[in-house]
Amino acid sequence: MTARITVGMPLHNGQDLVAEALSALQAQTFTDFEVIISVDGNDQASAKACRPFLADSRFRMVIHEERLDWVGNFNWLLEQPIGEFFCYRQHDDTTAPDFFEKLLAVADQRPDAAIVYADCQFFGEASHIEAEPSIEGDTHQRLKRFIKRITATPCRGIIRKDAIAQAGPVRVDEFRSNQQIFVWLAKVLRWGSFLRLPEPIYLRRLHDDNYHKQMRLSSDEEKLGAWTTVFTGFLEAVLPTCASVEERLFFQHFILDRVCVSREGQTYWIRPNTPEKSGTFIRKCFERLAAEGSMDRWIAPDPAVASGDAATTLADAFAAQADKHRLAMQQTATERDRLRQENARLKSRNEAKTRRVRRLARKNRKLGKSKASRLARATRRLFGQ
């Protein structure tokens, strides 16, 4: 029988730190979990550091002969049979012993939550606490709030299996997919809320070998290229939720503005802090969209219409272009309705499971009270009270 939580740990060159991460898992007060250690590129040194933990039947290890890199390894883990929840665990991070227990307590009370996560306490080269607020509301409210923030903190929690199923794998690109976790989280967010547990019980180590920190050393050209995939990825994630051309237009420009215009309090992989840079980013975003063969995700005035008649207004141009997108919108609506039906079915199943758990808990409490009452009566009779 599959454990309730499946922990996926992609591993490469982690022999010095992985034992601490695995020990933290063994110390969890909630024990119904399994750990899949996915060793990349035939890394025998890391595999050797993990072998002592395989004596615990909850731990197993797979060694990949070829190099998958982070995104390939992560996607491989997502393809494995998993429990009700998936937990992505980095080999250099740890958690408090009650990490699973506390997150599950929240998740069981909120079957609409796609992810439940905790505050993140940094250690090593930093000591601050990362606390990202919950993201709730209807689908579009959730997506707007996430795109404004662009944070990876929720991926360090427990992620509901059904939300992963509708999100699919992480997108693969030539930049080692270093920005694609944000796109994937947006897709997960379509399923349901991200809920924060305001306790710093996830412990994140910051050091020179961090994957994200290494990517910070890449050239500005590579950073800009990777950042444009956030634009194309968010379009891919959000547009299937749009029910009208107007909603589609709003999110197209909302996403373009978020990626290409620098605003205080927002995060950027590479910051477009001048009009020249913003204009360059916009051009690069559309070049990327065209390179991916996805220009149909953007509604724009048709140059052929605009140039053919000087009296043509912007509204006329949009109307002409919108007609070309009607079929695409119909297909999108069909897929959206299918996703809604599937989500409704999965949520109904989760709610039924939660009700069963609560009934069992009430029954156990009643049985406990009944046993206590019988014991008290027997004691009184024994002592003649």
Protein backbone atom coordinates (compact mmCIF):
# COMPACT_ATOMS: atom_id res chain seq x y z
CA MET A 1 0.00 0.00 0.00
CA THR A 2 1.36 3.45 -0.96
CA ALA A 3 2.31 5.67 1.95
CA ARG A 4 0.31 8.83 2.48
CA ILE A 5 3.25 11.11 1.64
CA THR A 6 5.80 10.37 -1.08
CA VAL A 7 9.04 12.29 -0.67
CA GLY A 8 11.00 12.83 -3.88
CA MET A 9 14.68 13.74 -3.53
CA PRO A 10 16.61 14.46 -6.76
CA LEU A 11 20.31 14.07 -5.94
CA HIS A 12 23.58 14.95 -7.64
CA ASN A 13 26.89 15.86 -6.00
CA GLY A 14 25.21 15.87 -2.61
CA GLN A 15 27.33 13.36 -0.74
CA ASP A 16 28.45 15.87 1.92
CA LEU A 17 24.97 17.00 3.00
CA VAL A 18 22.43 14.36 2.06
CA ALA A 19 22.80 12.28 5.25
CA GLU A 20 21.60 15.22 7.35
CA ALA A 21 18.56 15.66 5.11
CA LEU A 22 17.68 11.95 5.25
CA SER A 23 18.15 11.86 9.04
CA ALA A 24 15.68 14.72 9.36
CA LEU A 25 13.15 12.63 7.44
CA GLN A 26 13.70 9.63 9.68
CA ALA A 27 13.07 11.85 12.70
CA GLN A 28 9.58 12.86 11.56
CA THR A 29 6.83 12.29 14.13
CA PHE A 30 4.45 11.38 11.29
CA THR A 31 5.74 8.08 9.93
CA ASP A 32 3.43 7.09 7.05
CA PHE A 33 5.73 8.29 4.28
CA GLU A 34 8.13 6.86 1.71
CA VAL A 35 11.29 8.39 0.29
CA ILE A 36 12.48 7.99 -3.30
CA ILE A 37 16.11 9.05 -3.69
CA SER A 38 16.77 9.68 -7.38
CA VAL A 39 20.53 9.77 -7.98
CA ASP A 40 21.43 11.54 -11.20
CA GLY A 41 24.25 10.80 -13.63
CA ASN A 42 25.54 7.61 -11.95
CA ASP A 43 26.79 9.66 -8.99
CA GLN A 44 28.28 6.84 -6.91
CA ALA A 45 29.62 9.12 -4.16
CA SER A 46 26.13 10.44 -3.40
CA ALA A 47 24.67 6.92 -3.67
CA LYS A 48 27.20 5.65 -1.13
CA ALA A 49 26.19 8.35 1.35
CA CYS A 50 22.54 7.24 1.03
CA ARG A 51 22.99 3.47 1.35
CA PRO A 52 22.94 3.31 5.18
CA PHE A 53 19.40 4.71 5.09
CA LEU A 54 18.13 1.93 2.82
CA ALA A 55 17.93 -0.34 5.86
CA ASP A 56 14.78 1.67 6.64
CA SER A 57 12.05 0.06 4.49
CA ARG A 58 10.54 3.49 3.82
CA PHE A 59 13.61 4.54 1.82
CA ARG A 60 14.55 3.38 -1.67
CA MET A 61 17.10 4.60 -4.18
CA VAL A 62 17.28 4.66 -7.97
CA ILE A 63 20.53 5.46 -9.82
CA HIS A 64 20.19 6.93 -13.31
CA GLU A 65 23.10 6.13 -15.60
CA GLU A 66 22.58 9.21 -17.78
CA ARG A 67 22.50 12.81 -16.56
CA LEU A 68 18.92 14.03 -16.33
CA ASP A 69 19.73 17.39 -14.74
CA TRP A 70 17.39 18.92 -12.19
CA VAL A 71 14.28 19.22 -14.36
CA GLY A 72 14.57 15.72 -15.82
CA ASN A 73 15.09 14.21 -12.39
CA PHE A 74 12.20 16.15 -10.87
CA ASN A 75 9.87 15.14 -13.70
CA TRP A 76 10.94 11.50 -13.34
CA LEU A 77 9.95 11.64 -9.67
CA LEU A 78 6.56 13.12 -10.56
CA GLU A 79 5.93 10.17 -12.88
CA GLN A 80 6.35 7.60 -10.09
CA PRO A 81 3.37 6.19 -8.17
CA ILE A 82 2.89 8.62 -5.31
CA GLY A 83 0.67 8.85 -2.26
CA GLU A 84 -1.99 11.42 -1.46
CA PHE A 85 0.74 14.06 -1.16
CA PHE A 86 4.11 14.64 -2.80
CA CYS A 87 6.93 16.37 -0.96
CA TYR A 88 9.89 17.69 -2.96
CA ARG A 89 12.93 17.58 -0.70
CA GLN A 90 16.23 19.16 -1.61
CA HIS A 91 19.22 17.14 -0.45
CA ASP A 92 20.76 20.07 1.44
CA ASP A 93 17.67 21.12 3.43
CA THR A 94 16.12 19.79 6.62
CA THR A 95 12.90 20.26 8.59
CA ALA A 96 11.67 20.18 12.16
CA PRO A 97 10.55 16.71 13.38
CA ASP A 98 6.86 17.73 13.32
CA PHE A 99 6.99 19.16 9.78
CA PHE A 100 4.76 16.49 8.18
CA GLU A 101 2.46 16.23 11.18
CA LYS A 102 1.69 19.95 11.25
CA LEU A 103 1.24 20.37 7.49
CA LEU A 104 -1.07 17.36 7.28
CA ALA A 105 -3.22 18.74 10.09
CA VAL A 106 -3.85 21.83 7.95
CA ALA A 107 -4.33 19.83 4.73
CA ASP A 108 -6.91 17.53 6.33
CA GLN A 109 -8.96 20.54 7.38
CA ARG A 110 -8.70 22.13 3.93
CA PRO A 111 -9.27 19.61 1.13
CA ASP A 112 -9.33 22.55 -1.32
CA ALA A 113 -5.65 23.26 -0.69
CA ALA A 114 -3.31 22.25 -3.51
CA ILE A 115 -0.24 22.93 -1.35
CA VAL A 116 0.32 23.45 2.35
CA TYR A 117 3.71 24.92 3.23
CA ALA A 118 5.54 26.45 6.19
CA ASP A 119 7.76 29.47 6.72
CA CYS A 120 11.35 28.89 5.69
CA GLN A 121 14.24 29.47 8.11
CA PHE A 122 17.51 30.01 6.28
CA PHE A 123 20.79 28.83 7.72
CA GLY A 124 24.36 28.62 6.53
CA GLU A 125 25.17 31.81 4.62
CA ALA A 126 21.91 33.50 5.70
CA SER A 127 19.68 33.47 8.78
CA HIS A 128 16.47 35.25 7.78
CA ILE A 129 12.96 33.79 7.68
CA GLU A 130 11.08 33.61 4.38
CA ALA A 131 7.34 33.92 4.98
CA GLU A 132 5.07 33.97 1.93
CA PRO A 133 1.36 34.64 2.55
CA SER A 134 -1.33 32.16 1.60
CA ILE A 135 -2.87 32.44 -1.86
CA GLU A 136 -6.64 31.95 -1.84
CA GLY A 137 -9.72 33.13 -3.72
CA ASP A 138 -11.13 32.11 -7.08
CA THR A 139 -8.83 30.80 -9.81
CA HIS A 140 -8.03 34.17 -11.36
CA GLN A 141 -7.52 35.86 -8.00
CA ARG A 142 -5.05 33.15 -7.03
CA LEU A 143 -3.15 33.37 -10.33
CA LYS A 144 -2.93 37.17 -10.18
CA ARG A 145 -1.53 37.09 -6.63
CA PHE A 146 1.01 34.43 -7.49
CA ILE A 147 2.22 36.17 -10.64
CA LYS A 148 2.68 39.39 -8.68
CA ARG A 149 4.82 37.56 -6.11
CA ILE A 150 6.60 34.88 -8.20
CA THR A 151 7.88 32.77 -5.32
CA ALA A 152 9.07 29.17 -5.04
CA THR A 153 8.42 28.85 -1.30
CA PRO A 154 5.21 26.77 -1.66
CA CYS A 155 7.04 23.99 -3.55
CA ARG A 156 8.78 23.10 -0.25
CA GLY A 157 5.54 21.98 1.35
CA ILE A 158 3.26 19.01 0.72
CA ILE A 159 1.56 19.02 -2.68
CA ARG A 160 -1.69 17.21 -3.33
CA LYS A 161 -1.41 14.41 -5.87
CA ASP A 162 -4.52 15.48 -7.75
CA ALA A 163 -3.14 19.01 -8.21
CA ILE A 164 0.06 17.58 -9.67
CA ALA A 165 -1.93 15.37 -12.04
CA GLN A 166 -3.65 18.37 -13.65
CA ALA A 167 -0.46 20.48 -13.73
CA GLY A 168 1.64 17.91 -15.59
CA PRO A 169 5.46 17.98 -15.73
CA VAL A 170 7.77 20.98 -15.42
CA ARG A 171 8.56 22.61 -18.78
CA VAL A 172 12.01 21.86 -20.18
CA ASP A 173 14.16 24.55 -21.80
CA GLU A 174 17.77 25.22 -22.74
CA PHE A 175 18.39 27.26 -19.58
CA ARG A 176 18.27 24.19 -17.29
CA SER A 177 14.64 25.18 -16.64
CA ASN A 178 15.82 27.40 -13.79
CA GLN A 179 12.67 29.59 -13.96
CA GLN A 180 10.18 26.86 -14.82
CA ILE A 181 9.33 25.96 -11.22
CA PHE A 182 7.32 29.20 -11.10
CA VAL A 183 5.34 28.22 -14.19
CA TRP A 184 4.71 24.76 -12.76
CA LEU A 185 3.48 26.21 -9.47
CA ALA A 186 1.07 28.45 -11.39
CA LYS A 187 -0.35 25.32 -13.02
CA VAL A 188 -0.64 23.60 -9.63
CA LEU A 189 -2.40 26.71 -8.32
CA ARG A 190 -5.17 26.30 -10.90
CA TRP A 191 -6.35 23.30 -8.86
CA GLY A 192 -6.63 25.01 -5.48
CA SER A 193 -5.22 27.30 -2.81
CA PHE A 194 -1.70 27.56 -1.39
CA LEU A 195 -1.94 27.65 2.41
CA ARG A 196 0.79 28.94 4.70
CA LEU A 197 1.52 27.50 8.15
CA PRO A 198 3.15 30.47 9.93
CA GLU A 199 5.88 28.48 11.65
CA PRO A 200 9.55 28.37 10.49
CA ILE A 201 9.80 24.57 10.44
CA TYR A 202 11.39 24.23 6.99
CA LEU A 203 15.16 24.77 7.30
CA ARG A 204 16.84 25.85 4.08
CA ARG A 205 20.61 25.77 3.78
CA LEU A 206 22.22 28.51 1.69
CA HIS A 207 25.69 27.70 0.36
CA ASP A 208 27.85 28.13 -2.74
CA ASP A 209 26.67 24.91 -4.39
CA ASN A 210 22.96 25.82 -4.34
CA TYR A 211 21.46 25.24 -7.80
CA HIS A 212 19.69 28.61 -7.79
CA LYS A 213 22.81 30.42 -6.59
CA GLN A 214 24.90 28.81 -9.32
CA MET A 215 22.42 30.03 -11.93
CA ARG A 216 22.92 33.59 -10.65
CA LEU A 217 26.44 33.40 -12.11
CA SER A 218 25.14 32.95 -15.67
CA SER A 219 25.48 35.77 -18.22
CA ASP A 220 22.90 38.55 -18.59
CA GLU A 221 22.00 37.14 -22.00
CA GLU A 222 21.24 33.73 -20.46
CA LYS A 223 19.30 35.33 -17.61
CA LEU A 224 17.22 37.34 -20.05
CA GLY A 225 16.57 34.26 -22.16
CA ALA A 226 15.46 32.31 -19.11
CA TRP A 227 13.28 35.19 -17.92
CA THR A 228 11.38 35.30 -21.23
CA THR A 229 10.27 31.72 -20.57
CA VAL A 230 8.42 33.01 -17.51
CA PHE A 231 6.32 35.11 -19.89
CA THR A 232 5.59 32.28 -22.30
CA GLY A 233 5.12 29.81 -19.45
CA PHE A 234 2.62 31.95 -17.56
CA LEU A 235 0.62 32.38 -20.77
CA GLU A 236 0.57 28.60 -21.10
CA ALA A 237 -0.53 28.22 -17.48
CA VAL A 238 -3.17 30.95 -17.31
CA LEU A 239 -4.89 31.20 -20.70
CA PRO A 240 -6.71 27.83 -20.38
CA THR A 241 -8.57 29.35 -17.41
CA CYS A 242 -9.90 32.28 -19.47
CA ALA A 243 -13.53 32.07 -20.53
CA SER A 244 -13.61 35.09 -22.86
CA VAL A 245 -11.45 37.14 -25.18
CA GLU A 246 -11.58 39.95 -22.63
CA GLU A 247 -10.16 37.76 -19.84
CA ARG A 248 -7.53 36.52 -22.24
CA LEU A 249 -6.53 40.06 -23.19
CA PHE A 250 -6.31 41.09 -19.55
CA PHE A 251 -3.97 38.27 -18.56
CA GLN A 252 -1.81 38.64 -21.66
CA HIS A 253 -1.01 42.23 -20.73
CA PHE A 254 -0.92 41.58 -16.99
CA ILE A 255 1.77 38.92 -17.51
CA LEU A 256 3.72 41.03 -20.02
CA ASP A 257 3.72 43.97 -17.60
CA ARG A 258 4.85 41.78 -14.70
CA VAL A 259 7.80 40.37 -16.61
CA CYS A 260 8.92 43.46 -18.54
CA VAL A 261 8.23 46.47 -16.27
CA SER A 262 10.22 46.98 -13.08
CA ARG A 263 8.12 47.72 -10.00
CA GLU A 264 9.14 48.13 -6.38
CA GLY A 265 8.61 45.13 -4.12
CA GLN A 266 8.55 42.60 -6.96
CA THR A 267 11.18 39.98 -7.77
CA TYR A 268 12.98 39.71 -11.10
CA TRP A 269 15.52 37.24 -12.41
CA ILE A 270 17.02 40.16 -14.32
CA ARG A 271 15.52 43.58 -13.67
CA PRO A 272 14.18 45.73 -16.56
CA ASN A 273 14.86 49.04 -14.77
CA THR A 274 14.95 51.41 -17.76
CA PRO A 275 12.57 52.00 -20.71
CA GLU A 276 15.27 50.68 -23.02
CA LYS A 277 15.62 47.45 -21.04
CA SER A 278 11.85 47.04 -20.76
CA GLY A 279 11.50 47.47 -24.51
CA THR A 280 14.25 44.91 -25.08
CA PHE A 281 12.51 42.49 -22.72
CA ILE A 282 9.20 42.91 -24.56
CA ARG A 283 10.84 42.24 -27.91
CA LYS A 284 12.65 39.20 -26.52
CA CYS A 285 9.44 37.86 -24.99
CA PHE A 286 7.68 37.89 -28.36
CA GLU A 287 10.71 36.41 -30.08
CA ARG A 288 10.56 33.60 -27.53
CA LEU A 289 6.84 33.15 -28.04
CA ALA A 290 7.40 32.85 -31.79
CA ALA A 291 10.34 30.46 -31.30
CA GLU A 292 8.08 28.19 -29.23
CA GLY A 293 5.47 28.25 -32.00
CA SER A 294 2.91 29.80 -29.66
CA MET A 295 2.02 33.15 -31.20
CA ASP A 296 -1.62 32.01 -31.19
CA ARG A 297 -1.53 32.67 -27.44
CA TRP A 298 -1.38 36.40 -28.13
CA ILE A 299 -4.25 38.47 -29.51
CA ALA A 300 -2.88 41.55 -31.29
CA PRO A 301 -4.03 43.90 -34.06
CA ASP A 302 -3.54 42.27 -37.44
CA PRO A 303 -1.00 44.43 -39.37
CA ALA A 304 -2.61 43.42 -42.67
CA VAL A 305 -5.95 44.81 -41.51
CA ALA A 306 -4.47 47.99 -40.05
CA SER A 307 -2.36 48.81 -43.12
CA GLY A 308 -5.10 48.09 -45.65
CA ASP A 309 -7.41 50.87 -44.55
CA ALA A 310 -6.25 54.06 -42.90
CA ALA A 311 -9.65 54.44 -41.26
CA THR A 312 -9.36 51.08 -39.50
CA THR A 313 -9.54 51.61 -35.76
CA LEU A 314 -7.79 49.65 -33.06
CA ALA A 315 -11.18 48.20 -32.09
CA ASP A 316 -11.71 47.00 -35.68
CA ALA A 317 -8.27 45.40 -35.70
CA PHE A 318 -8.89 43.65 -32.41
CA ALA A 319 -12.27 42.42 -33.63
CA ALA A 320 -10.72 41.00 -36.80
CA GLN A 321 -7.95 39.29 -34.85
CA ALA A 322 -10.38 38.01 -32.21
CA ASP A 323 -12.33 36.14 -34.87
CA LYS A 324 -9.21 34.14 -35.63
CA HIS A 325 -9.03 33.12 -32.00
CA ARG A 326 -12.64 31.99 -31.61
CA LEU A 327 -11.85 28.40 -32.51
CA ALA A 328 -8.86 28.39 -30.17
CA MET A 329 -11.05 29.82 -27.41
CA GLN A 330 -13.69 27.13 -28.00
CA GLN A 331 -11.02 24.47 -27.69
CA THR A 332 -9.70 26.17 -24.56
CA ALA A 333 -13.22 26.31 -23.09
CA THR A 334 -13.68 22.59 -23.74
CA GLU A 335 -10.40 21.83 -21.97
CA ARG A 336 -11.28 24.22 -19.13
CA ASP A 337 -14.65 22.50 -18.63
CA ARG A 338 -12.93 19.13 -18.60
CA LEU A 339 -10.47 20.35 -15.97
CA ARG A 340 -13.30 21.78 -13.88
CA GLN A 341 -15.22 18.52 -14.00
CA GLU A 342 -12.11 16.55 -13.11
CA ASN A 343 -11.26 18.95 -10.28
CA ALA A 344 -14.84 18.75 -8.97
CA ARG A 345 -14.65 14.96 -8.99
CA LEU A 346 -11.29 14.91 -7.22
CA LYS A 347 -12.37 17.51 -4.66
CA SER A 348 -15.56 15.57 -3.95
CA ARG A 349 -13.50 12.46 -3.37
CA ASN A 350 -11.15 14.34 -1.05
CA GLU A 351 -14.04 15.82 0.90
CA ALA A 352 -15.59 12.36 1.32
CA LYS A 353 -12.25 11.03 2.55
CA THR A 354 -11.96 13.93 5.03
CA ARG A 355 -15.47 13.22 6.35
CA ARG A 356 -14.56 9.56 6.85
CA VAL A 357 -11.43 10.53 8.77
CA ARG A 358 -13.43 12.89 10.99
CA ARG A 359 -16.12 10.24 11.64
CA LEU A 360 -13.47 7.75 12.66
CA ALA A 361 -11.88 10.34 14.95
CA ARG A 362 -15.25 11.05 16.64
CA LYS A 363 -15.92 7.35 17.00
CA ASN A 364 -12.52 6.79 18.57
CA ARG A 365 -13.13 9.64 21.03
CA LYS A 366 -16.50 8.17 22.01
CA LEU A 367 -14.95 4.74 22.47
CA GLY A 368 -12.24 6.28 24.62
CA LYS A 369 -14.79 8.06 26.79
CA SER A 370 -16.87 4.88 27.10
CA LYS A 371 -13.87 2.84 28.22
CA ALA A 372 -12.92 5.51 30.73
CA SER A 373 -16.47 5.59 32.11
CA ARG A 374 -16.59 1.78 32.52
CA LEU A 375 -13.21 1.82 34.26
CA ALA A 376 -14.41 4.53 36.66
CA ARG A 377 -17.56 2.55 37.55
CA ALA A 378 -15.54 -0.62 38.14
CA THR A 379 -13.16 1.28 40.39
CA ARG A 380 -16.03 2.68 42.46
CA ARG A 381 -17.54 -0.81 42.88
CA LEU A 382 -14.19 -2.27 43.88
CA PHE A 383 -13.69 0.26 46.63
CA GLY A 384 -17.31 0.37 47.67
CA GLN A 385 -17.86 3.94 46.58
